N, C-alpha and C. Protein backbone atom coordinates (compact mmCIF):
# COMPACT_ATOMS: atom_id res chain seq x y z
N MET A 1 -39.22 -14.06 32.07
CA MET A 1 -39.42 -12.83 31.47
C MET A 1 -38.12 -12.60 30.70
N GLU A 2 -38.61 -12.48 29.20
CA GLU A 2 -37.94 -12.57 27.92
C GLU A 2 -37.27 -11.30 27.58
N LYS A 3 -35.62 -11.41 27.70
CA LYS A 3 -35.32 -10.12 26.74
C LYS A 3 -34.88 -10.15 25.56
N LEU A 4 -34.75 -8.27 25.49
CA LEU A 4 -34.89 -7.75 23.91
C LEU A 4 -33.54 -7.51 23.64
N GLN A 5 -33.04 -8.17 22.91
CA GLN A 5 -31.63 -7.71 22.37
C GLN A 5 -31.77 -6.57 21.36
N GLN A 6 -31.06 -5.52 22.26
CA GLN A 6 -31.09 -4.43 20.79
C GLN A 6 -29.63 -4.89 19.80
N SER A 7 -29.98 -4.28 18.94
CA SER A 7 -29.06 -4.03 17.22
C SER A 7 -28.26 -2.77 17.45
N ILE A 8 -26.98 -3.05 18.04
CA ILE A 8 -26.01 -1.81 17.41
C ILE A 8 -25.06 -1.54 16.63
N THR A 9 -25.38 -0.21 15.99
CA THR A 9 -25.10 0.12 15.27
C THR A 9 -23.45 0.89 15.25
N VAL A 10 -22.54 0.29 14.98
CA VAL A 10 -21.68 1.38 15.07
C VAL A 10 -20.73 1.75 14.10
N PRO A 11 -20.70 2.70 14.13
CA PRO A 11 -20.12 4.11 12.96
C PRO A 11 -18.78 3.50 12.45
N LEU A 12 -18.43 3.49 11.35
CA LEU A 12 -17.24 3.36 10.87
C LEU A 12 -16.31 4.33 10.91
N LYS A 13 -14.74 4.04 11.69
CA LYS A 13 -14.18 4.96 11.30
C LYS A 13 -13.85 5.43 10.33
N LYS A 14 -13.47 6.88 9.93
CA LYS A 14 -12.97 7.57 9.07
C LYS A 14 -11.88 6.80 8.03
N GLU A 15 -11.62 6.11 8.62
CA GLU A 15 -10.19 5.31 8.05
C GLU A 15 -10.77 4.30 7.43
N ASP A 16 -11.90 3.14 8.08
CA ASP A 16 -12.43 2.56 7.05
C ASP A 16 -13.22 2.79 5.87
N THR A 17 -13.08 4.11 5.44
CA THR A 17 -14.39 3.98 4.78
C THR A 17 -13.98 4.45 3.31
N LYS A 18 -12.37 4.70 3.58
CA LYS A 18 -11.43 4.80 2.36
C LYS A 18 -10.68 3.59 1.95
N PRO A 19 -10.51 3.27 0.47
CA PRO A 19 -9.53 2.82 0.41
C PRO A 19 -8.06 2.34 0.49
N TRP A 20 -7.53 1.21 1.00
CA TRP A 20 -5.78 1.38 1.01
C TRP A 20 -5.14 0.84 0.05
N PHE A 21 -4.17 1.23 -0.20
CA PHE A 21 -3.17 0.64 -1.38
C PHE A 21 -1.92 0.34 -0.60
N VAL A 22 -1.51 -1.10 -1.05
CA VAL A 22 -0.26 -1.67 -0.42
C VAL A 22 0.64 -0.53 -2.04
N TYR A 23 1.91 -0.21 -1.83
CA TYR A 23 2.25 0.08 -2.82
C TYR A 23 3.86 -0.35 -3.24
N LEU A 24 4.75 -0.79 -3.87
CA LEU A 24 6.22 -0.79 -4.14
C LEU A 24 7.08 0.86 -5.32
N ILE A 25 7.85 1.17 -4.33
CA ILE A 25 8.39 2.44 -4.88
C ILE A 25 10.10 1.61 -5.18
N GLU A 26 10.56 2.35 -6.43
CA GLU A 26 12.05 1.93 -6.72
C GLU A 26 12.51 2.99 -6.66
N ASN A 27 13.68 2.93 -6.05
CA ASN A 27 14.54 4.63 -5.92
C ASN A 27 15.83 4.32 -7.11
N ARG A 28 16.82 5.64 -6.93
CA ARG A 28 18.10 5.44 -8.29
C ARG A 28 18.30 4.22 -8.15
N LEU A 29 18.59 3.90 -7.09
CA LEU A 29 19.44 2.52 -7.11
C LEU A 29 18.98 1.26 -7.24
N GLY A 30 18.00 1.19 -7.66
CA GLY A 30 17.30 -0.06 -7.98
C GLY A 30 16.45 -0.61 -7.17
N GLN A 31 17.15 -0.33 -5.43
CA GLN A 31 16.13 -1.08 -4.55
C GLN A 31 14.33 -0.80 -4.50
N LEU A 32 14.17 -2.10 -3.92
CA LEU A 32 12.06 -1.34 -3.78
C LEU A 32 11.82 -1.26 -2.60
N TYR A 33 10.97 -0.87 -1.91
CA TYR A 33 10.74 -0.43 -0.47
C TYR A 33 9.31 -0.31 -0.57
N THR A 34 8.34 -0.96 0.12
CA THR A 34 7.09 -1.12 0.37
C THR A 34 6.37 -0.67 0.90
N GLY A 35 5.13 -0.43 0.90
CA GLY A 35 4.63 0.12 2.21
C GLY A 35 3.06 0.15 1.88
N ILE A 36 2.31 1.21 3.15
CA ILE A 36 0.71 1.51 2.79
C ILE A 36 0.12 2.67 2.83
N THR A 37 -0.75 3.01 3.03
CA THR A 37 -0.97 4.16 2.66
C THR A 37 -2.72 4.72 2.16
N THR A 38 -2.79 5.42 2.77
CA THR A 38 -5.11 5.96 2.02
C THR A 38 -4.66 6.94 0.50
N ASP A 39 -3.69 7.64 0.74
CA ASP A 39 -3.44 8.38 -0.72
C ASP A 39 -1.97 8.30 -1.33
N PRO A 40 -2.15 7.52 -2.22
CA PRO A 40 -0.81 7.36 -3.05
C PRO A 40 0.28 8.41 -3.93
N CYS A 41 -0.92 9.20 -3.87
CA CYS A 41 -0.07 10.81 -3.99
C CYS A 41 0.57 11.59 -3.39
N ARG A 42 0.16 11.40 -1.89
CA ARG A 42 0.50 12.25 -0.92
C ARG A 42 1.59 11.50 -0.23
N ARG A 43 1.41 10.59 0.01
CA ARG A 43 2.58 9.90 0.32
C ARG A 43 4.09 9.65 -0.55
N ILE A 44 3.97 9.85 -2.29
CA ILE A 44 5.18 9.70 -3.01
C ILE A 44 6.03 11.16 -2.39
N ARG A 45 4.91 12.12 -2.65
CA ARG A 45 5.23 13.68 -2.27
C ARG A 45 5.83 13.42 -0.77
N GLN A 46 5.60 12.91 0.31
CA GLN A 46 6.37 12.91 1.47
C GLN A 46 7.60 12.08 0.73
N HIS A 47 7.47 10.73 0.51
CA HIS A 47 8.85 10.24 0.22
C HIS A 47 10.42 10.99 -0.52
N ARG A 48 9.84 11.86 -1.26
CA ARG A 48 10.34 12.58 -2.05
C ARG A 48 10.86 13.71 -1.50
N GLY A 49 10.44 14.37 -0.71
CA GLY A 49 10.76 15.37 0.44
C GLY A 49 10.33 17.02 0.07
N ASP A 50 9.18 16.66 -0.28
CA ASP A 50 8.35 17.60 -1.16
C ASP A 50 7.07 18.26 0.41
N ILE A 51 6.98 17.49 1.09
CA ILE A 51 6.14 17.18 2.07
C ILE A 51 7.13 16.42 2.89
N GLY A 52 6.46 16.51 5.02
CA GLY A 52 7.07 16.18 5.21
C GLY A 52 6.53 14.62 5.78
N GLY A 53 7.49 13.73 6.70
CA GLY A 53 7.24 12.22 6.94
C GLY A 53 6.72 11.57 5.98
N GLY A 54 8.04 11.43 4.84
CA GLY A 54 8.77 10.85 4.09
C GLY A 54 9.56 9.42 5.25
N ALA A 55 9.63 8.38 4.34
CA ALA A 55 10.94 7.49 4.88
C ALA A 55 11.81 7.64 4.78
N LYS A 56 13.07 7.71 6.25
CA LYS A 56 14.13 7.89 6.17
C LYS A 56 15.04 7.06 5.52
N SER A 57 14.45 5.85 5.13
CA SER A 57 15.94 4.78 4.00
C SER A 57 15.65 5.50 2.66
N LEU A 58 14.83 6.77 2.31
CA LEU A 58 14.16 6.92 1.04
C LEU A 58 15.21 7.84 0.87
N ARG A 59 15.58 9.00 1.90
CA ARG A 59 16.15 10.07 1.67
C ARG A 59 17.48 10.29 1.06
N GLY A 60 17.12 10.74 -0.30
CA GLY A 60 18.58 11.05 -1.31
C GLY A 60 18.66 10.18 -2.23
N LYS A 61 17.78 9.25 -2.43
CA LYS A 61 17.96 8.01 -3.45
C LYS A 61 16.87 8.53 -4.37
N ALA A 62 16.03 9.75 -4.52
CA ALA A 62 15.58 10.04 -6.05
C ALA A 62 15.81 9.49 -6.56
N PRO A 63 15.85 9.64 -8.11
CA PRO A 63 13.90 9.49 -8.06
C PRO A 63 13.19 8.07 -7.18
N LEU A 64 11.70 8.60 -7.35
CA LEU A 64 11.69 7.31 -6.51
C LEU A 64 10.23 7.29 -7.65
N LEU A 65 10.26 6.01 -7.69
CA LEU A 65 8.75 5.67 -9.25
C LEU A 65 7.89 4.58 -8.33
N PHE A 66 7.01 4.30 -8.49
CA PHE A 66 5.73 3.89 -8.20
C PHE A 66 5.64 2.57 -9.35
N LYS A 67 6.40 1.51 -8.67
CA LYS A 67 6.57 -0.28 -9.54
C LYS A 67 5.43 -0.96 -9.86
N LYS A 68 4.70 -0.51 -8.45
CA LYS A 68 3.24 -0.90 -8.54
C LYS A 68 2.37 -0.62 -7.36
N VAL A 69 1.21 -0.65 -7.87
CA VAL A 69 0.08 0.10 -6.61
C VAL A 69 -1.12 -1.00 -6.51
N LEU A 70 -1.37 -1.38 -5.53
CA LEU A 70 -2.94 -2.17 -5.51
C LEU A 70 -3.57 -1.50 -4.43
N ARG A 71 -4.57 -1.48 -4.71
CA ARG A 71 -5.76 -1.41 -3.85
C ARG A 71 -6.59 -2.31 -3.39
N VAL A 72 -6.98 -2.30 -2.10
CA VAL A 72 -7.18 -3.40 -0.68
C VAL A 72 -8.65 -2.02 0.08
N GLU A 73 -9.26 -3.03 0.81
CA GLU A 73 -10.51 -2.75 0.87
C GLU A 73 -10.18 -1.99 2.64
N ASN A 74 -9.18 -2.35 3.25
CA ASN A 74 -9.09 -1.51 4.46
C ASN A 74 -7.68 -2.11 4.80
N ARG A 75 -7.22 -1.08 5.82
CA ARG A 75 -6.03 -1.26 6.34
C ARG A 75 -5.89 -2.24 7.24
N ALA A 76 -6.15 -3.71 7.38
CA ALA A 76 -6.07 -4.70 8.17
C ALA A 76 -4.96 -5.68 6.53
N THR A 77 -5.97 -5.65 5.61
CA THR A 77 -5.87 -6.46 4.38
C THR A 77 -4.49 -5.78 3.91
N ALA A 78 -4.03 -4.37 4.13
CA ALA A 78 -3.11 -3.91 3.50
C ALA A 78 -1.72 -3.94 4.16
N SER A 79 -1.81 -4.07 5.68
CA SER A 79 -0.47 -4.64 6.31
C SER A 79 -0.58 -5.99 6.17
N SER A 80 -1.58 -6.71 6.06
CA SER A 80 -1.04 -8.18 6.16
C SER A 80 -0.44 -7.98 4.65
N LEU A 81 -0.87 -7.65 3.15
CA LEU A 81 -0.24 -7.55 2.42
C LEU A 81 0.83 -7.30 2.49
N GLU A 82 1.13 -5.77 2.96
CA GLU A 82 2.82 -5.72 2.85
C GLU A 82 4.06 -6.39 3.71
N TYR A 83 3.12 -6.86 5.10
CA TYR A 83 3.96 -8.08 5.34
C TYR A 83 4.30 -8.86 4.19
N GLU A 84 3.70 -9.95 3.97
CA GLU A 84 3.83 -10.66 2.71
C GLU A 84 4.67 -10.28 1.97
N ILE A 85 5.15 -9.09 1.37
CA ILE A 85 5.23 -9.00 0.03
C ILE A 85 6.44 -8.54 0.69
N LYS A 86 7.18 -8.08 1.94
CA LYS A 86 8.48 -7.73 2.28
C LYS A 86 9.28 -9.09 2.85
N ALA A 87 8.67 -10.20 2.55
CA ALA A 87 9.25 -11.36 3.64
C ALA A 87 9.60 -11.91 1.49
N LEU A 88 9.02 -11.31 0.26
CA LEU A 88 9.53 -11.88 -0.85
C LEU A 88 11.21 -11.34 -1.06
N ASP A 89 11.48 -12.60 -1.78
CA ASP A 89 12.93 -12.11 -2.19
C ASP A 89 12.98 -10.53 -3.76
N ARG A 90 13.65 -10.58 -4.25
CA ARG A 90 13.74 -9.57 -5.48
C ARG A 90 13.00 -10.36 -6.06
N LYS A 91 13.35 -11.57 -6.74
CA LYS A 91 13.05 -12.30 -7.78
C LYS A 91 11.49 -12.08 -7.78
N GLN A 92 10.82 -12.36 -6.22
CA GLN A 92 9.82 -12.98 -6.66
C GLN A 92 8.13 -11.29 -7.06
N LYS A 93 9.46 -9.99 -5.85
CA LYS A 93 8.57 -9.21 -5.98
C LYS A 93 8.68 -8.30 -7.66
N GLU A 94 9.69 -8.92 -8.35
CA GLU A 94 9.99 -8.71 -10.04
C GLU A 94 8.55 -9.34 -10.84
N ALA A 95 8.57 -10.76 -9.83
CA ALA A 95 7.40 -10.86 -10.85
C ALA A 95 6.15 -10.60 -10.41
N LEU A 96 6.07 -10.24 -8.49
CA LEU A 96 4.53 -9.13 -8.70
C LEU A 96 4.25 -7.99 -9.77
N ILE A 97 5.65 -8.06 -9.70
CA ILE A 97 5.83 -6.08 -10.38
C ILE A 97 4.66 -6.64 -12.01
N ALA A 98 5.94 -7.39 -12.60
CA ALA A 98 5.04 -7.66 -14.02
C ALA A 98 3.76 -8.65 -14.15
N GLY A 99 3.42 -8.77 -12.61
CA GLY A 99 1.81 -9.72 -12.71
C GLY A 99 1.54 -10.64 -12.35
N THR A 100 3.22 -11.73 -12.85
CA THR A 100 3.05 -12.72 -12.56
C THR A 100 2.70 -13.82 -10.86
N LYS A 101 3.18 -13.12 -10.47
CA LYS A 101 2.59 -13.17 -9.05
C LYS A 101 2.01 -12.96 -8.40
N THR A 102 1.45 -13.77 -7.55
CA THR A 102 -0.23 -13.52 -6.76
C THR A 102 -0.22 -13.16 -5.20
N LEU A 103 -0.57 -12.40 -5.02
CA LEU A 103 -0.95 -12.92 -3.32
C LEU A 103 -2.17 -13.18 -2.86
N SER A 104 -2.26 -13.14 -1.42
CA SER A 104 -2.82 -14.13 -0.72
C SER A 104 -4.32 -13.16 -0.48
N ALA A 105 -4.51 -12.16 -0.31
CA ALA A 105 -5.50 -11.32 -0.73
C ALA A 105 -6.21 -11.05 -1.75
N PRO A 106 -7.27 -10.63 -1.60
CA PRO A 106 -8.38 -9.88 -3.13
C PRO A 106 -7.39 -8.29 -2.94
N CYS A 107 -6.55 -8.15 -4.15
CA CYS A 107 -6.57 -6.48 -4.23
C CYS A 107 -7.09 -5.98 -6.12
N SER A 108 -6.56 -5.15 -6.01
CA SER A 108 -6.94 -4.77 -7.57
C SER A 108 -5.46 -3.40 -8.16
N ASP A 109 -5.24 -3.80 -9.30
CA ASP A 109 -3.81 -3.63 -9.98
C ASP A 109 -4.06 -2.13 -10.29
N VAL A 110 -3.10 -1.31 -9.30
CA VAL A 110 -4.11 0.18 -9.99
C VAL A 110 -2.87 1.27 -10.66
N THR A 111 -1.61 -0.12 -10.57
CA THR A 111 -0.65 0.73 -10.93
C THR A 111 -0.75 2.16 -11.98
N SER A 112 -1.11 2.08 -13.02
CA SER A 112 -1.64 2.47 -14.31
C SER A 112 -2.37 4.36 -13.81
N ALA A 113 -2.98 4.16 -12.57
CA ALA A 113 -3.21 5.62 -12.28
C ALA A 113 -2.54 6.47 -11.73
N PHE A 114 -1.27 5.93 -10.98
CA PHE A 114 0.02 6.70 -10.45
C PHE A 114 1.13 6.35 -11.04
N THR A 115 1.45 6.07 -12.31
CA THR A 115 2.63 6.49 -12.90
C THR A 115 2.59 7.13 -14.68
N GLY A 116 3.46 7.60 -15.13
CA GLY A 116 2.83 8.22 -16.38
C GLY A 116 4.29 7.99 -17.09
């Protein structure tokens, strides 16, 4: 007797349908902070204290400015690139911001959409 294999369709989680972003923020002291989000505009508002949920390390260090925003396909890639960027030294992060350093995973530079 032959078994039939059924194809199972697993619905994507809501978070899997949205693009993810990896970002670098510079504070008034010139320090760089790296994070990930699905909504960079909301996230910087949180960091600035306009709404709840920002990183403690950025409190009281405004103004905060996006220096680099990269779009990636999913959370796993975002987390991997965040880890990679956090391991870079200051000079390497500045090269990434300038566009002369590349990362290990595919990403799109969308910084201009979040800076003015």
